[in-house]
N, C-alpha and C. Protein backbone atom coordinates (compact mmCIF):
# COMPACT_ATOMS: atom_id res chain seq x y z
N MET A 1 1.06 -1.42 -0.06
CA MET A 1 0.12 -0.14 0.15
C MET A 1 1.05 1.39 0.33
N ASN A 2 0.95 2.18 -1.17
CA ASN A 2 1.63 3.36 -1.16
C ASN A 2 1.03 4.34 -0.42
N LEU A 3 1.73 5.65 0.19
CA LEU A 3 0.93 6.63 0.34
C LEU A 3 0.15 6.90 0.02
N PRO A 4 -0.32 7.74 -1.38
CA PRO A 4 -1.33 8.07 -2.14
C PRO A 4 -2.55 7.43 -1.55
N ASN A 5 -2.25 5.89 -2.12
CA ASN A 5 -3.41 5.18 -1.58
C ASN A 5 -3.89 5.21 0.31
N THR A 6 -2.91 5.25 0.33
CA THR A 6 -3.23 5.12 2.31
C THR A 6 -3.98 6.76 2.72
N ILE A 7 -3.49 7.61 1.71
CA ILE A 7 -4.18 9.19 2.15
C ILE A 7 -5.86 8.92 1.57
N THR A 8 -5.94 8.27 0.53
CA THR A 8 -7.21 8.27 -0.07
C THR A 8 -8.21 7.33 1.25
N LEU A 9 -7.14 6.01 1.55
CA LEU A 9 -8.22 5.55 2.45
C LEU A 9 -8.25 6.18 3.83
N ILE A 10 -7.94 7.21 4.18
CA ILE A 10 -7.97 8.08 5.25
C ILE A 10 -9.43 8.94 5.00
N ARG A 11 -9.08 9.38 3.60
CA ARG A 11 -10.49 10.15 3.25
C ARG A 11 -11.68 9.43 3.56
N ILE A 12 -11.99 8.06 3.11
CA ILE A 12 -13.03 7.35 3.13
C ILE A 12 -13.34 6.66 5.11
N ALA A 13 -11.97 6.96 5.95
CA ALA A 13 -12.37 6.90 6.97
C ALA A 13 -12.75 7.96 7.67
N LEU A 14 -12.72 9.12 7.28
CA LEU A 14 -13.15 10.75 7.36
C LEU A 14 -14.77 11.01 7.92
N VAL A 15 -15.36 9.90 6.42
CA VAL A 15 -16.53 9.85 6.38
C VAL A 15 -17.49 9.92 7.52
N PRO A 16 -17.25 8.72 8.21
CA PRO A 16 -18.03 8.69 9.44
C PRO A 16 -18.17 9.21 10.62
N ILE A 17 -16.37 9.73 10.42
CA ILE A 17 -16.32 10.83 11.51
C ILE A 17 -17.29 12.23 11.49
N PHE A 18 -16.93 12.45 9.74
CA PHE A 18 -18.13 13.81 9.58
C PHE A 18 -19.49 13.19 10.19
N MET A 19 -19.69 12.45 9.32
CA MET A 19 -21.15 11.88 9.99
C MET A 19 -21.68 11.86 11.35
N LEU A 20 -21.11 11.47 12.42
CA LEU A 20 -20.83 11.59 13.61
C LEU A 20 -21.18 13.24 13.83
N ALA A 21 -20.16 13.91 13.91
CA ALA A 21 -20.08 15.28 13.98
C ALA A 21 -21.29 16.05 13.49
N PHE A 22 -21.85 15.85 12.19
CA PHE A 22 -22.71 16.48 11.77
C PHE A 22 -24.13 16.33 12.58
N ALA A 23 -24.35 14.60 12.93
CA ALA A 23 -25.65 14.57 13.37
C ALA A 23 -26.01 14.67 14.81
N LEU A 24 -24.28 14.75 15.84
CA LEU A 24 -24.28 15.31 17.26
C LEU A 24 -24.61 16.69 17.05
N GLY A 25 -23.97 17.66 16.28
CA GLY A 25 -24.50 19.08 15.96
C GLY A 25 -24.18 19.82 17.10
N TRP A 26 -24.04 21.10 17.28
CA TRP A 26 -24.09 21.78 18.64
C TRP A 26 -24.88 22.86 18.02
N GLY A 27 -25.55 23.18 18.39
CA GLY A 27 -26.24 24.37 17.58
C GLY A 27 -26.55 24.47 16.08
N GLU A 28 -26.62 25.52 15.99
CA GLU A 28 -26.80 25.70 14.49
C GLU A 28 -25.12 26.12 13.99
N SER A 29 -24.20 25.91 14.65
CA SER A 29 -22.74 25.57 14.08
C SER A 29 -22.34 24.34 13.39
N TYR A 30 -21.69 24.43 12.09
CA TYR A 30 -21.32 23.11 11.56
C TYR A 30 -19.91 23.43 11.78
N ASP A 31 -19.36 23.89 12.62
CA ASP A 31 -17.51 24.32 12.63
C ASP A 31 -16.89 22.91 12.69
N LEU A 32 -17.53 22.21 13.81
CA LEU A 32 -16.70 20.73 13.41
C LEU A 32 -16.58 19.85 12.24
N PRO A 33 -17.81 20.01 11.72
CA PRO A 33 -17.97 19.03 10.50
C PRO A 33 -17.28 19.76 9.01
N PHE A 34 -17.50 21.15 9.45
CA PHE A 34 -16.73 21.85 8.33
C PHE A 34 -15.10 21.53 8.18
N TYR A 35 -14.52 21.83 9.33
CA TYR A 35 -12.93 21.02 9.86
C TYR A 35 -12.79 19.90 9.06
N ILE A 36 -13.73 18.96 9.15
CA ILE A 36 -13.78 17.44 8.97
C ILE A 36 -13.22 17.54 7.75
N PHE A 37 -14.87 18.31 7.32
CA PHE A 37 -15.19 17.80 6.00
C PHE A 37 -13.92 18.62 4.74
N THR A 38 -13.36 19.45 5.02
CA THR A 38 -12.24 20.31 4.55
C THR A 38 -11.19 19.61 4.81
N ALA A 39 -10.55 18.72 5.96
CA ALA A 39 -9.70 18.02 6.02
C ALA A 39 -9.67 17.07 5.00
N ALA A 40 -10.39 16.62 4.88
CA ALA A 40 -10.97 15.14 3.80
C ALA A 40 -10.86 15.69 2.12
N ALA A 41 -11.59 17.00 2.08
CA ALA A 41 -11.49 17.46 0.88
C ALA A 41 -10.09 17.95 0.54
N LEU A 42 -9.27 18.21 1.21
CA LEU A 42 -7.87 18.63 1.04
C LEU A 42 -6.86 17.48 0.83
N THR A 43 -7.41 15.88 1.31
CA THR A 43 -6.63 14.61 1.16
C THR A 43 -6.98 14.31 -0.52
N ASP A 44 -8.17 14.74 -0.90
CA ASP A 44 -8.30 14.30 -2.36
C ASP A 44 -7.16 15.28 -3.58
N SER A 45 -6.68 16.59 -3.11
CA SER A 45 -5.89 16.97 -4.22
C SER A 45 -4.40 16.39 -3.42
N LEU A 46 -4.19 16.23 -2.23
CA LEU A 46 -3.16 15.75 -1.89
C LEU A 46 -2.58 14.15 -2.48
N ASP A 47 -3.68 13.38 -2.04
CA ASP A 47 -3.15 12.00 -2.87
C ASP A 47 -3.01 11.86 -4.21
N GLY A 48 -3.56 12.60 -5.13
CA GLY A 48 -3.27 12.64 -6.44
C GLY A 48 -1.73 13.41 -6.92
N TYR A 49 -1.63 14.16 -6.06
CA TYR A 49 -0.64 15.18 -6.22
C TYR A 49 0.55 13.94 -5.89
N LEU A 50 0.85 13.50 -4.72
CA LEU A 50 1.49 12.47 -4.46
C LEU A 50 1.48 11.50 -5.51
N ALA A 51 0.73 10.99 -5.61
CA ALA A 51 0.93 9.75 -6.66
C ALA A 51 1.32 10.15 -8.09
N ARG A 52 1.27 11.20 -8.48
CA ARG A 52 1.68 11.86 -10.01
C ARG A 52 3.28 12.09 -9.32
N ARG A 53 3.46 12.74 -8.70
CA ARG A 53 4.93 13.38 -8.31
C ARG A 53 5.99 11.96 -7.79
N ARG A 54 5.26 11.01 -7.65
CA ARG A 54 6.50 9.98 -6.97
C ARG A 54 5.86 8.87 -7.88
N GLY A 55 5.35 8.70 -8.88
CA GLY A 55 5.24 7.81 -10.20
C GLY A 55 4.34 6.36 -9.37
N GLN A 56 3.32 6.87 -8.69
CA GLN A 56 2.82 5.60 -7.80
C GLN A 56 1.44 5.52 -8.03
N VAL A 57 0.88 6.19 -9.76
CA VAL A 57 -0.19 5.88 -9.94
C VAL A 57 -0.83 4.10 -9.75
N THR A 58 -1.95 3.73 -9.39
CA THR A 58 -1.93 2.50 -9.48
C THR A 58 -3.85 2.29 -9.98
N THR A 59 -3.76 0.68 -10.33
CA THR A 59 -4.70 1.11 -10.82
C THR A 59 -6.26 0.50 -10.09
N PHE A 60 -5.55 0.37 -8.52
CA PHE A 60 -6.45 0.60 -7.21
C PHE A 60 -6.37 2.11 -6.62
N GLY A 61 -5.18 2.81 -7.00
CA GLY A 61 -5.91 4.50 -6.90
C GLY A 61 -6.91 5.05 -7.88
N LYS A 62 -6.72 4.25 -9.14
CA LYS A 62 -7.79 5.13 -10.03
C LYS A 62 -9.08 4.85 -9.66
N PHE A 63 -9.29 3.27 -9.17
CA PHE A 63 -10.49 3.04 -8.60
C PHE A 63 -11.17 3.62 -7.30
N ILE A 64 -10.04 3.54 -6.27
CA ILE A 64 -10.68 3.91 -4.97
C ILE A 64 -10.71 5.57 -4.79
N ASP A 65 -9.52 6.35 -5.20
CA ASP A 65 -10.09 7.64 -5.16
C ASP A 65 -11.34 8.04 -5.88
N PRO A 66 -11.96 7.60 -7.23
CA PRO A 66 -13.15 8.67 -7.00
C PRO A 66 -14.08 7.78 -6.26
N LEU A 67 -14.07 6.59 -6.02
CA LEU A 67 -14.90 6.11 -4.91
C LEU A 67 -15.04 6.95 -3.43
N ALA A 68 -13.75 6.81 -3.26
CA ALA A 68 -13.80 8.35 -1.82
C ALA A 68 -14.39 9.23 -2.24
N ASP A 69 -14.31 10.03 -3.39
CA ASP A 69 -15.06 11.27 -3.57
C ASP A 69 -16.22 10.93 -3.39
N LYS A 70 -16.72 10.05 -4.27
CA LYS A 70 -18.15 9.93 -4.07
C LYS A 70 -18.91 9.48 -2.77
N LEU A 71 -18.09 8.64 -1.75
CA LEU A 71 -18.96 8.67 -0.50
C LEU A 71 -18.74 9.76 0.32
N LEU A 72 -17.64 10.69 0.30
CA LEU A 72 -17.57 11.82 1.20
C LEU A 72 -18.53 12.54 0.57
N VAL A 73 -19.14 13.18 -0.55
CA VAL A 73 -19.99 14.11 -0.99
C VAL A 73 -21.60 13.50 -0.81
N SER A 74 -21.27 12.40 -1.24
CA SER A 74 -23.11 11.50 -1.17
C SER A 74 -23.55 11.84 0.41
N ALA A 75 -22.33 11.30 1.29
CA ALA A 75 -22.64 11.01 2.98
C ALA A 75 -22.91 12.99 3.55
N VAL A 76 -22.08 13.48 2.98
CA VAL A 76 -22.57 14.69 3.21
C VAL A 76 -23.73 15.49 2.99
N LEU A 77 -24.14 15.59 1.46
CA LEU A 77 -25.07 15.53 0.85
C LEU A 77 -26.49 15.20 1.73
N ILE A 78 -26.65 13.47 1.39
CA ILE A 78 -27.49 13.30 2.42
C ILE A 78 -27.73 13.58 4.01
N MET A 79 -26.65 13.98 4.85
CA MET A 79 -26.98 14.55 6.00
C MET A 79 -27.45 15.92 5.84
N MET A 80 -27.30 16.92 4.70
CA MET A 80 -27.73 18.22 4.73
C MET A 80 -28.96 18.28 4.31
N THR A 81 -29.37 17.01 3.30
CA THR A 81 -31.02 16.80 3.10
C THR A 81 -31.55 16.70 4.34
N GLY A 82 -31.12 15.64 5.70
CA GLY A 82 -31.74 15.32 6.44
C GLY A 82 -32.07 16.85 7.24
N ARG A 83 -31.12 17.46 7.28
CA ARG A 83 -31.41 18.74 8.10
C ARG A 83 -32.22 20.00 7.11
N GLY A 84 -32.49 19.70 6.11
CA GLY A 84 -33.14 20.48 5.37
C GLY A 84 -32.36 21.79 4.69
N LEU A 85 -31.14 21.16 4.87
CA LEU A 85 -29.85 22.26 4.27
C LEU A 85 -29.95 22.29 2.70
N ILE A 86 -30.58 21.34 1.99
CA ILE A 86 -30.50 20.76 0.49
C ILE A 86 -31.36 20.14 0.11
N ALA A 87 -32.34 20.30 -1.14
CA ALA A 87 -33.51 19.45 -1.60
C ALA A 87 -32.76 18.12 -1.69
N ALA A 88 -33.85 17.11 -1.75
CA ALA A 88 -33.76 16.31 -2.16
C ALA A 88 -33.48 15.70 -3.56
N TRP A 89 -33.71 16.66 -4.53
CA TRP A 89 -33.43 16.30 -5.89
C TRP A 89 -32.01 16.55 -5.99
N VAL A 90 -31.78 17.60 -5.56
CA VAL A 90 -29.84 17.61 -5.45
C VAL A 90 -29.38 16.57 -5.29
N VAL A 91 -29.25 15.99 -4.38
CA VAL A 91 -28.89 14.89 -4.04
C VAL A 91 -29.39 13.98 -4.90
N VAL A 92 -30.51 13.42 -5.56
CA VAL A 92 -30.85 12.70 -6.35
C VAL A 92 -29.91 12.68 -7.82
N VAL A 93 -29.91 13.81 -8.40
CA VAL A 93 -29.00 14.14 -9.44
C VAL A 93 -28.03 13.86 -9.47
N ILE A 94 -27.28 14.37 -8.14
CA ILE A 94 -25.86 14.09 -7.89
C ILE A 94 -25.67 12.62 -7.74
N LEU A 95 -26.44 11.93 -7.25
CA LEU A 95 -26.27 10.43 -7.08
C LEU A 95 -26.37 9.71 -8.32
N GLY A 96 -27.35 10.33 -9.08
CA GLY A 96 -27.65 9.65 -10.34
C GLY A 96 -26.10 9.66 -11.40
N ARG A 97 -26.07 10.80 -11.04
CA ARG A 97 -24.61 10.89 -12.11
C ARG A 97 -23.52 10.12 -12.04
N ASP A 98 -23.28 9.79 -10.26
CA ASP A 98 -22.34 8.93 -9.87
C ASP A 98 -22.30 7.65 -10.00
N PHE A 99 -23.77 7.27 -10.13
CA PHE A 99 -24.08 5.75 -10.48
C PHE A 99 -23.74 5.74 -12.04
N ILE A 100 -24.36 6.68 -13.07
CA ILE A 100 -24.04 6.26 -14.26
C ILE A 100 -22.57 6.31 -14.58
N VAL A 101 -21.70 7.04 -14.01
CA VAL A 101 -20.44 7.19 -14.33
C VAL A 101 -19.97 5.53 -13.58
N THR A 102 -20.20 5.91 -12.96
CA THR A 102 -19.63 4.06 -11.97
C THR A 102 -19.96 3.19 -12.59
N SER A 103 -21.19 3.04 -13.15
CA SER A 103 -21.77 1.95 -14.23
C SER A 103 -20.60 1.93 -15.78
N LEU A 104 -20.32 3.08 -16.13
CA LEU A 104 -19.47 3.43 -17.18
C LEU A 104 -18.32 2.54 -16.83
N ARG A 105 -17.79 3.18 -15.69
CA ARG A 105 -16.34 2.63 -15.58
C ARG A 105 -16.41 0.82 -15.41
N LEU A 106 -17.37 0.57 -15.07
CA LEU A 106 -17.82 -1.29 -14.83
C LEU A 106 -17.56 -1.69 -16.02
N ILE A 107 -18.52 -1.27 -17.24
CA ILE A 107 -18.20 -1.49 -18.51
C ILE A 107 -17.10 -1.38 -18.77
N ALA A 108 -16.00 -0.52 -18.59
CA ALA A 108 -14.88 -0.09 -19.16
C ALA A 108 -13.89 -1.44 -18.61
N VAL A 109 -14.28 -1.36 -17.64
CA VAL A 109 -13.19 -2.62 -16.85
C VAL A 109 -13.38 -3.96 -17.57
N GLU A 110 -14.67 -4.11 -17.77
CA GLU A 110 -14.70 -5.33 -18.71
C GLU A 110 -14.45 -5.90 -19.94
N ALA A 111 -14.56 -4.28 -20.51
CA ALA A 111 -13.65 -4.08 -21.72
C ALA A 111 -12.09 -4.07 -21.58
N GLY A 112 -11.68 -4.04 -20.97
CA GLY A 112 -10.14 -3.87 -20.47
C GLY A 112 -9.86 -2.58 -20.48
N VAL A 113 -10.51 -1.65 -20.39
CA VAL A 113 -10.45 -0.20 -20.70
C VAL A 113 -10.33 0.55 -18.83
N ILE A 114 -9.86 1.02 -18.48
CA ILE A 114 -9.47 1.91 -17.01
C ILE A 114 -9.87 3.42 -17.40
N ILE A 115 -11.15 3.39 -16.72
CA ILE A 115 -11.22 5.01 -17.09
C ILE A 115 -10.38 6.23 -15.82
N ALA A 116 -9.89 6.80 -15.99
CA ALA A 116 -9.54 7.97 -14.84
C ALA A 116 -10.12 9.04 -15.00
N ALA A 117 -9.69 9.44 -13.68
CA ALA A 117 -10.30 10.55 -13.70
C ALA A 117 -10.12 11.73 -14.73
N LYS A 118 -11.61 12.47 -15.31
CA LYS A 118 -11.09 13.58 -16.32
C LYS A 118 -11.70 14.74 -15.73
N LEU A 119 -10.72 15.87 -16.73
CA LEU A 119 -10.97 17.08 -16.17
C LEU A 119 -12.32 17.77 -15.68
N SER A 120 -13.24 16.89 -16.56
CA SER A 120 -14.54 17.85 -15.93
C SER A 120 -14.92 16.84 -14.34
N GLY A 121 -14.40 15.61 -14.29
CA GLY A 121 -14.69 15.18 -13.08
C GLY A 121 -14.19 15.96 -11.78
N LYS A 122 -13.00 16.55 -12.42
CA LYS A 122 -12.44 17.33 -11.30
C LYS A 122 -12.70 18.56 -10.63
N ILE A 123 -13.31 19.15 -12.22
CA ILE A 123 -14.20 20.73 -11.84
C ILE A 123 -15.31 20.11 -11.13
N LYS A 124 -15.72 19.19 -11.18
CA LYS A 124 -16.99 18.69 -10.79
C LYS A 124 -16.86 18.60 -8.96
N MET A 125 -16.05 18.18 -8.80
CA MET A 125 -15.34 18.04 -7.44
C MET A 125 -15.35 18.97 -6.56
N PHE A 126 -14.56 19.94 -7.59
CA PHE A 126 -14.02 21.47 -6.47
C PHE A 126 -15.05 22.04 -6.71
N VAL A 127 -16.11 22.40 -7.82
CA VAL A 127 -17.40 23.02 -7.84
C VAL A 127 -18.08 22.38 -6.48
N GLN A 128 -18.11 21.05 -6.14
CA GLN A 128 -19.33 20.48 -4.97
C GLN A 128 -18.62 20.41 -3.89
N VAL A 129 -17.02 20.67 -3.44
CA VAL A 129 -16.44 20.60 -2.23
C VAL A 129 -17.07 22.46 -2.26
N GLY A 130 -16.48 23.39 -2.83
CA GLY A 130 -16.64 24.64 -2.75
C GLY A 130 -18.16 25.15 -2.32
N VAL A 131 -19.40 24.55 -2.93
CA VAL A 131 -20.53 24.92 -2.61
C VAL A 131 -20.55 23.87 -1.23
N ILE A 132 -20.28 23.04 -0.74
CA ILE A 132 -20.39 22.77 0.66
C ILE A 132 -19.89 23.25 1.92
N MET A 133 -18.74 23.60 1.12
CA MET A 133 -17.76 24.37 2.58
C MET A 133 -18.59 25.66 2.62
N PHE A 134 -19.03 25.87 1.89
CA PHE A 134 -19.83 27.69 1.68
C PHE A 134 -21.08 27.21 2.61
N MET A 135 -21.83 26.14 2.17
CA MET A 135 -23.07 25.96 3.00
C MET A 135 -22.54 25.52 4.66
N LEU A 136 -21.28 24.57 4.87
CA LEU A 136 -21.13 24.40 6.22
C LEU A 136 -21.02 25.41 7.05
N SER A 137 -20.07 26.60 6.04
CA SER A 137 -19.55 27.79 7.17
C SER A 137 -20.99 28.35 7.85
N SER A 138 -20.71 28.35 9.50
CA SER A 138 -21.47 28.87 9.86
C SER A 138 -22.11 30.41 9.72
N ILE A 139 -21.11 31.31 8.99
CA ILE A 139 -21.25 32.54 8.67
C ILE A 139 -22.43 32.53 7.27
N THR A 140 -22.01 31.17 6.98
CA THR A 140 -22.99 31.60 5.25
C THR A 140 -24.33 30.89 5.09
N ALA A 141 -24.16 30.20 6.06
CA ALA A 141 -25.54 29.19 6.03
C ALA A 141 -26.57 29.73 6.05
N ALA A 142 -27.32 30.88 6.14
CA ALA A 142 -28.06 31.53 5.72
C ALA A 142 -28.29 32.48 4.53
N SER A 143 -27.15 32.28 3.68
CA SER A 143 -27.12 33.29 2.56
C SER A 143 -28.15 33.09 1.55
N VAL A 144 -28.26 34.33 0.75
CA VAL A 144 -29.16 34.20 -0.26
C VAL A 144 -28.57 33.52 -1.41
N ILE A 145 -27.36 33.62 -1.86
CA ILE A 145 -26.84 32.89 -2.68
C ILE A 145 -26.68 31.53 -2.80
N VAL A 146 -26.98 30.36 -1.83
CA VAL A 146 -27.08 29.60 -1.73
C VAL A 146 -27.80 28.86 -2.69
N PRO A 147 -28.65 29.18 -2.90
CA PRO A 147 -29.64 28.54 -3.84
C PRO A 147 -29.24 28.67 -5.26
N TYR A 148 -28.87 29.72 -5.66
CA TYR A 148 -27.68 29.64 -6.84
C TYR A 148 -26.40 28.70 -7.07
N LEU A 149 -25.83 29.16 -6.05
CA LEU A 149 -24.97 27.75 -5.80
C LEU A 149 -25.03 26.30 -6.06
N VAL A 150 -26.34 26.12 -5.75
CA VAL A 150 -26.45 24.86 -5.69
C VAL A 150 -27.02 24.46 -7.13
N TYR A 151 -27.82 25.31 -7.87
CA TYR A 151 -28.07 24.89 -9.12
C TYR A 151 -26.45 25.24 -9.83
N GLY A 152 -25.89 25.94 -9.57
CA GLY A 152 -24.56 25.91 -10.27
C GLY A 152 -23.95 24.61 -10.16
N MET A 153 -24.01 23.89 -9.01
CA MET A 153 -23.20 22.99 -8.51
C MET A 153 -23.96 21.40 -9.46
N VAL A 154 -25.45 21.51 -9.43
CA VAL A 154 -25.78 20.63 -10.12
C VAL A 154 -25.44 20.37 -11.74
N ALA A 155 -25.52 22.01 -12.05
CA ALA A 155 -25.32 21.87 -13.83
C ALA A 155 -23.89 21.27 -13.94
N VAL A 156 -22.90 21.73 -12.94
CA VAL A 156 -21.57 21.10 -13.20
C VAL A 156 -21.59 19.79 -13.27
N THR A 157 -22.64 19.04 -12.14
CA THR A 157 -22.22 17.64 -12.32
C THR A 157 -22.77 16.98 -13.16
N VAL A 158 -24.13 17.58 -14.05
CA VAL A 158 -24.80 16.92 -14.97
C VAL A 158 -24.23 16.90 -16.36
N TRP A 159 -23.23 18.32 -16.23
CA TRP A 159 -22.06 18.59 -17.49
C TRP A 159 -21.57 17.64 -17.59
N SER A 160 -20.45 17.37 -15.88
CA SER A 160 -20.12 16.13 -16.07
C SER A 160 -19.92 14.70 -16.37
N GLY A 161 -21.28 14.63 -15.85
CA GLY A 161 -21.77 13.32 -16.44
C GLY A 161 -21.90 12.92 -17.87
N PHE A 162 -22.40 13.83 -18.46
CA PHE A 162 -22.49 13.89 -19.79
C PHE A 162 -21.21 14.00 -20.52
N ASP A 163 -20.26 14.47 -20.22
CA ASP A 163 -19.09 14.35 -20.49
C ASP A 163 -18.03 13.32 -20.59
N TYR A 164 -18.37 12.46 -19.37
CA TYR A 164 -17.81 11.42 -19.33
C TYR A 164 -18.78 10.28 -20.49
N ILE A 165 -19.65 10.62 -20.28
CA ILE A 165 -20.82 9.47 -21.22
C ILE A 165 -20.37 9.81 -22.65
N TRP A 166 -20.22 10.90 -23.11
CA TRP A 166 -19.58 11.32 -24.73
C TRP A 166 -18.48 10.65 -25.11
N LYS A 167 -17.35 10.96 -23.96
CA LYS A 167 -15.70 10.59 -24.08
C LYS A 167 -15.79 9.32 -24.24
N HIS A 168 -16.81 8.16 -23.55
CA HIS A 168 -16.71 6.82 -23.92
C HIS A 168 -18.00 6.31 -23.93
N ARG A 169 -18.59 6.81 -25.10
CA ARG A 169 -19.50 6.67 -25.74
C ARG A 169 -19.66 5.07 -26.73
N GLN A 170 -18.47 5.05 -27.10
CA GLN A 170 -17.90 3.58 -27.77
C GLN A 170 -18.23 2.44 -27.10
N LEU A 171 -17.74 2.83 -25.74
CA LEU A 171 -18.10 1.62 -24.79
C LEU A 171 -19.39 1.28 -24.93
N LEU A 172 -20.63 1.75 -24.55
CA LEU A 172 -21.73 1.88 -24.58
C LEU A 172 -22.20 0.91 -26.03
N VAL A 173 -21.78 1.56 -26.95
CA VAL A 173 -22.45 0.77 -28.32
C VAL A 173 -21.96 -0.09 -28.56
N HIS A 174 -20.64 -0.57 -28.29
CA HIS A 174 -19.83 -2.01 -28.40
C HIS A 174 -20.24 -3.23 -27.54
N ALA A 175 -20.79 -2.56 -26.27
CA ALA A 175 -20.79 -3.22 -25.15
C ALA A 175 -21.47 -4.68 -25.70
N THR A 176 -21.20 -5.93 -25.48
CA THR A 176 -22.60 -6.83 -25.80
C THR A 176 -21.82 -8.20 -24.49
N PRO A 177 -23.18 -8.53 -23.74
CA PRO A 177 -22.90 -9.17 -22.65
C PRO A 177 -21.61 -10.18 -22.78
N GLY A 178 -20.81 -10.36 -22.15
CA GLY A 178 -19.85 -11.75 -22.24
C GLY A 178 -18.83 -11.49 -23.37
N SER A 179 -18.64 -10.24 -24.00
CA SER A 179 -17.85 -10.43 -24.89
C SER A 179 -16.92 -8.91 -24.61
N SER A 180 -15.96 -9.00 -24.85
CA SER A 180 -15.38 -7.59 -24.99
C SER A 180 -14.44 -6.99 -26.39
N THR A 181 -15.45 -6.03 -26.94
CA THR A 181 -14.62 -5.27 -28.31
C THR A 181 -14.11 -4.00 -28.08
N ALA A 182 -14.29 -3.96 -27.21
CA ALA A 182 -13.40 -2.47 -27.23
C ALA A 182 -11.40 -2.82 -27.12
N THR A 183 -10.85 -2.14 -27.30
CA THR A 183 -9.30 -2.49 -27.32
C THR A 183 -8.97 -1.70 -26.16
N PRO A 184 -8.07 -2.33 -25.10
CA PRO A 184 -7.84 -2.04 -24.08
C PRO A 184 -6.82 -0.76 -23.94
N GLY A 185 -7.25 0.46 -23.15
CA GLY A 185 -6.58 1.88 -23.39
C GLY A 185 -7.07 2.08 -24.38
N ALA A 186 -7.72 1.80 -25.04
CA ALA A 186 -8.15 3.02 -26.81
C ALA A 186 -9.05 4.00 -26.52
N HIS A 187 -9.88 3.90 -25.00
CA HIS A 187 -10.47 5.14 -24.69
C HIS A 187 -9.91 6.27 -23.48
N GLU A 188 -8.61 5.72 -22.84
CA GLU A 188 -8.43 6.88 -22.14
C GLU A 188 -8.05 8.15 -22.46
């Protein structure tokens, strides 16, 4: 287990810690959950940077890193829905995009292709993290711009999903049960 993958696993371990801190809550302040989420989000940049810098990009890392991102963002958004901080439809759209991209990755694996993170996915994660951090900030919790930020987050999320589908549409067109017609690495 290399250092970048260990850092990614730490991000996953921070998810239940965030959930506990958020569930316990201390009045209207989300300071502790904010700090835990921020620390977890920072590990996303750190693990990728270290993996590339040290030449430690692995298949496991390509799999676990986006999964860790999805777990983190999904957990936070679901917890926020429970407190009425975000509408359920937003969470459904974001999770729907994630299920579609994950399914596409599974189809790709069957075809011998690893779909690495795309720029659109990184932008999506950056926007989601920014909006969530803004919403968790006790100073901005009641801000009038939050709905606009949420709509922007949804738009970027949907765009990212379409980008993944478009760039890997050949996997969907040529995928047949039990056979692999794609050339390994051809769609990366």
